[in-house]
Protein backbone atom coordinates (compact mmCIF):
# COMPACT_ATOMS: atom_id res chain seq x y z
CA MET A 1 35.11 25.44 -17.15
CA ARG A 2 35.99 21.82 -17.83
CA LEU A 3 34.71 20.81 -14.35
CA SER A 4 31.48 22.36 -14.73
CA LYS A 5 31.06 20.56 -18.09
CA ILE A 6 31.72 17.30 -16.41
CA LEU A 7 29.34 17.92 -13.46
CA LEU A 8 26.63 19.07 -15.78
CA THR A 9 26.97 15.84 -17.94
CA LEU A 10 26.99 13.70 -14.80
CA SER A 11 23.97 15.36 -13.54
CA ALA A 12 22.05 14.88 -16.67
CA SER A 13 22.97 11.10 -16.85
CA ILE A 14 21.94 10.61 -13.41
CA SER A 15 18.64 12.39 -14.06
CA PHE A 16 18.22 10.21 -17.21
CA LEU A 17 19.00 7.01 -15.24
CA VAL A 18 16.72 7.85 -12.36
CA SER A 19 13.77 8.99 -14.56
CA ASN A 20 14.26 5.94 -16.96
CA GLY A 21 16.01 3.10 -15.19
CA PHE A 22 14.60 3.15 -11.62
CA ALA A 23 11.17 4.71 -12.24
CA ARG A 24 8.26 2.33 -11.06
CA ASP A 25 5.50 1.50 -13.41
CA LEU A 26 2.14 2.32 -11.65
CA THR A 27 -0.20 1.78 -14.77
CA TYR A 28 -1.71 -1.20 -13.19
CA ILE A 29 -3.01 1.33 -10.26
CA ASP A 30 -3.79 3.96 -12.75
CA SER A 31 -5.93 1.62 -14.99
CA VAL A 32 -8.21 0.96 -11.88
CA LEU A 33 -8.10 4.36 -10.28
CA ASN A 34 -8.18 6.37 -13.56
CA PRO A 35 -5.78 7.94 -12.87
CA ALA A 36 -4.26 7.26 -9.54
CA GLN A 37 -3.62 10.37 -7.33
CA LEU A 38 -1.09 10.10 -4.58
CA GLN A 39 -2.75 11.36 -1.03
CA GLY A 40 0.19 10.46 1.20
CA THR A 41 3.16 8.52 2.02
CA GLY A 42 4.78 7.12 5.16
CA ARG A 43 7.32 4.60 6.43
CA LEU A 44 6.77 1.93 9.12
CA ASN A 45 9.85 1.58 11.55
CA TRP A 46 9.60 -1.01 14.21
CA TRP A 47 12.28 -1.15 17.03
CA GLY A 48 14.40 1.30 14.84
CA LEU A 49 14.18 -1.10 11.68
CA HIS A 50 12.84 0.22 8.50
CA ILE A 51 10.23 -2.25 7.51
CA TYR A 52 8.52 -0.66 4.62
CA ASP A 53 7.38 2.51 2.83
CA VAL A 54 3.77 2.80 1.97
CA SER A 55 1.64 5.22 -0.59
CA PHE A 56 -1.88 5.74 -0.52
CA TYR A 57 -3.66 6.62 -3.72
CA ARG A 58 -7.03 7.82 -4.30
CA ALA A 59 -9.02 7.79 -7.73
CA GLY A 60 -8.75 11.00 -9.83
CA ILE A 61 -12.45 11.39 -9.69
CA PRO A 62 -13.03 13.15 -6.22
CA THR A 63 -16.36 11.14 -5.48
CA SER A 64 -14.92 7.99 -6.25
CA PRO A 65 -14.52 5.21 -3.39
CA ASP A 66 -11.76 3.59 -5.11
CA PHE A 67 -8.24 3.74 -3.59
CA ALA A 68 -4.94 1.74 -3.26
CA LEU A 69 -2.11 1.17 -0.88
CA ASP A 70 1.25 0.34 -2.56
CA ILE A 71 3.84 -1.16 -0.01
CA ARG A 72 7.41 -1.35 -0.76
CA TYR A 73 9.10 -3.69 1.59
CA GLN A 74 12.53 -3.07 3.01
CA LYS A 75 13.00 -6.28 4.86
CA SER A 76 12.16 -9.78 3.49
CA PHE A 77 9.26 -11.57 4.77
CA SER A 78 7.30 -14.81 4.09
CA GLY A 79 3.70 -14.33 2.87
CA VAL A 80 2.40 -16.44 5.84
CA SER A 81 4.29 -13.97 8.10
CA ILE A 82 2.60 -10.98 6.41
CA ALA A 83 -0.81 -12.81 6.51
CA ASN A 84 -0.41 -13.54 10.18
CA ARG A 85 0.43 -10.05 11.21
CA SER A 86 -2.52 -8.78 9.17
CA ALA A 87 -4.72 -11.05 11.05
CA ASP A 88 -3.45 -9.81 14.31
CA GLU A 89 -3.83 -6.27 13.34
CA MET A 90 -7.44 -6.92 12.48
CA LYS A 91 -8.08 -8.64 15.77
CA LYS A 92 -6.64 -5.34 17.54
CA MET A 93 -9.12 -3.27 15.74
CA GLY A 94 -12.16 -5.39 16.83
CA VAL A 95 -12.38 -7.91 14.21
CA PRO A 96 -13.77 -11.15 15.89
CA ASP A 97 -10.90 -13.69 16.58
CA SER A 98 -12.62 -16.32 14.39
CA GLN A 99 -13.15 -14.06 11.36
CA ALA A 100 -9.62 -12.54 11.49
CA ALA A 101 -8.33 -16.25 11.67
CA LEU A 102 -10.34 -16.97 8.59
CA TRP A 103 -9.12 -13.97 6.51
CA GLY A 104 -5.42 -14.62 7.83
CA LYS A 105 -5.69 -18.13 6.25
CA GLU A 106 -6.94 -16.87 3.05
CA LEU A 107 -4.29 -14.29 2.83
CA ALA A 108 -1.72 -17.03 3.65
CA THR A 109 -2.85 -18.93 0.57
CA ILE A 110 -2.26 -15.91 -1.80
CA LEU A 111 0.40 -13.56 -0.43
CA PRO A 112 3.71 -14.41 -1.74
CA ASN A 113 7.13 -14.09 0.11
CA VAL A 114 8.72 -10.71 -0.32
CA GLU A 115 12.43 -9.55 -0.68
CA SER A 116 13.61 -6.09 0.15
CA GLY A 117 12.42 -3.68 -2.70
CA GLN A 118 9.56 -5.78 -3.74
CA THR A 119 6.13 -4.48 -3.42
CA LEU A 120 2.55 -5.58 -2.56
CA THR A 121 -0.25 -3.49 -3.70
CA ALA A 122 -3.92 -3.73 -2.61
CA ILE A 123 -6.61 -1.88 -4.61
CA TYR A 124 -10.17 -1.51 -3.47
CA THR A 125 -13.15 -1.08 -5.62
CA PRO A 126 -16.72 -1.66 -4.17
CA LYS A 127 -17.71 -3.90 -7.29
CA GLN A 128 -14.39 -6.10 -7.11
CA GLY A 129 -13.38 -5.79 -3.42
CA THR A 130 -9.66 -6.09 -2.68
CA ILE A 131 -7.41 -6.78 -5.69
CA PHE A 132 -3.70 -7.81 -4.79
CA TYR A 133 -0.61 -7.34 -6.79
CA HIS A 134 2.89 -8.39 -6.37
CA ASP A 135 5.57 -6.20 -8.09
CA GLY A 136 2.64 -4.76 -10.58
CA LYS A 137 1.34 -8.38 -11.29
CA ARG A 138 -2.24 -9.34 -10.37
CA ILE A 139 -2.11 -12.22 -7.93
CA ALA A 140 -5.52 -12.47 -6.31
CA GLN A 141 -8.74 -10.81 -5.40
CA ILE A 142 -11.01 -10.97 -2.33
CA PRO A 143 -14.50 -9.85 -2.75
CA GLY A 144 -16.59 -8.06 -0.22
CA ALA A 145 -16.52 -4.81 1.74
CA GLU A 146 -16.16 -6.40 5.05
CA PHE A 147 -12.74 -7.94 4.48
CA SER A 148 -11.56 -4.69 2.65
CA LYS A 149 -12.74 -2.55 5.61
CA ALA A 150 -10.90 -5.00 8.11
CA PHE A 151 -7.59 -5.26 5.82
CA PHE A 152 -7.24 -1.47 4.94
CA GLY A 153 -8.34 -0.44 8.33
CA ILE A 154 -4.64 -1.80 9.32
CA TRP A 155 -3.59 1.32 8.01
CA LEU A 156 -6.39 3.72 7.75
CA ASP A 157 -8.75 3.11 10.68
CA PRO A 158 -8.69 5.43 13.52
CA LYS A 159 -7.91 2.46 15.80
CA THR A 160 -4.55 1.56 13.82
CA SER A 161 -1.62 0.38 15.85
CA ALA A 162 0.43 3.13 13.79
CA PRO A 163 -1.57 6.50 14.22
CA LYS A 164 1.41 8.42 12.91
CA LEU A 165 1.58 6.46 9.79
CA ARG A 166 -2.16 6.97 9.29
CA SER A 167 -1.62 10.55 9.63
CA GLU A 168 1.16 10.58 6.91
CA LEU A 169 -1.06 8.53 4.56
CA LEU A 170 -4.27 10.68 4.96
CA GLY A 171 -2.21 14.01 4.90
CA GLN A 172 -4.78 16.96 4.71
CA GLY A 173 -7.45 14.41 3.06
CA CYS A 174 -10.13 12.38 4.27
CA PRO A 175 -10.08 8.48 4.66
CA PRO A 176 -12.03 6.63 2.15
CA PRO A 177 -15.86 6.15 2.45
CA LEU A 178 -15.33 2.48 3.02
CA LEU A 179 -14.12 3.41 6.46
CA ASN A 180 -17.41 5.23 7.22
CA GLU A 181 -15.59 8.08 8.95
CA ALA A 182 -16.95 11.54 8.56
CA CYS A 183 -14.31 14.31 7.58
């Protein structure tokens, strides 16, 4: 009897800590997507290393073109290396080298270094383009659909270098209209 009481108390304490102490505040995503609805999640592994976990959110209004990708890093990276990798992935999908290089340079000026456990979030709205957040704090905005299509295409375009991750993110849903893919 005493053991079950201890286990019950321990279980309640752990539930309280998880729900209050470790929950992520996603109100910045909700405020744009009104509210955000999770469509899918996935994990990127490279050569057996867990690089990051990513979540794909859509707007609560089914016809809305707004969406977000929230990436929680499991390794530390410099902002420049993230920007360079993003530009390389854009090139693989057909973005001209010169354009990918320009966007890579722009990303290198805005993306911070990340440590394990930190997040980078990108939210797309047609009127604003792509808005970037680091651990929930707005850090930059890049206007225009062309950049947004190339950037989000890294994860969501059919030509992505991570098709399994794309499938996990899309789940049973469609890709966003920005990618002009019929569903």
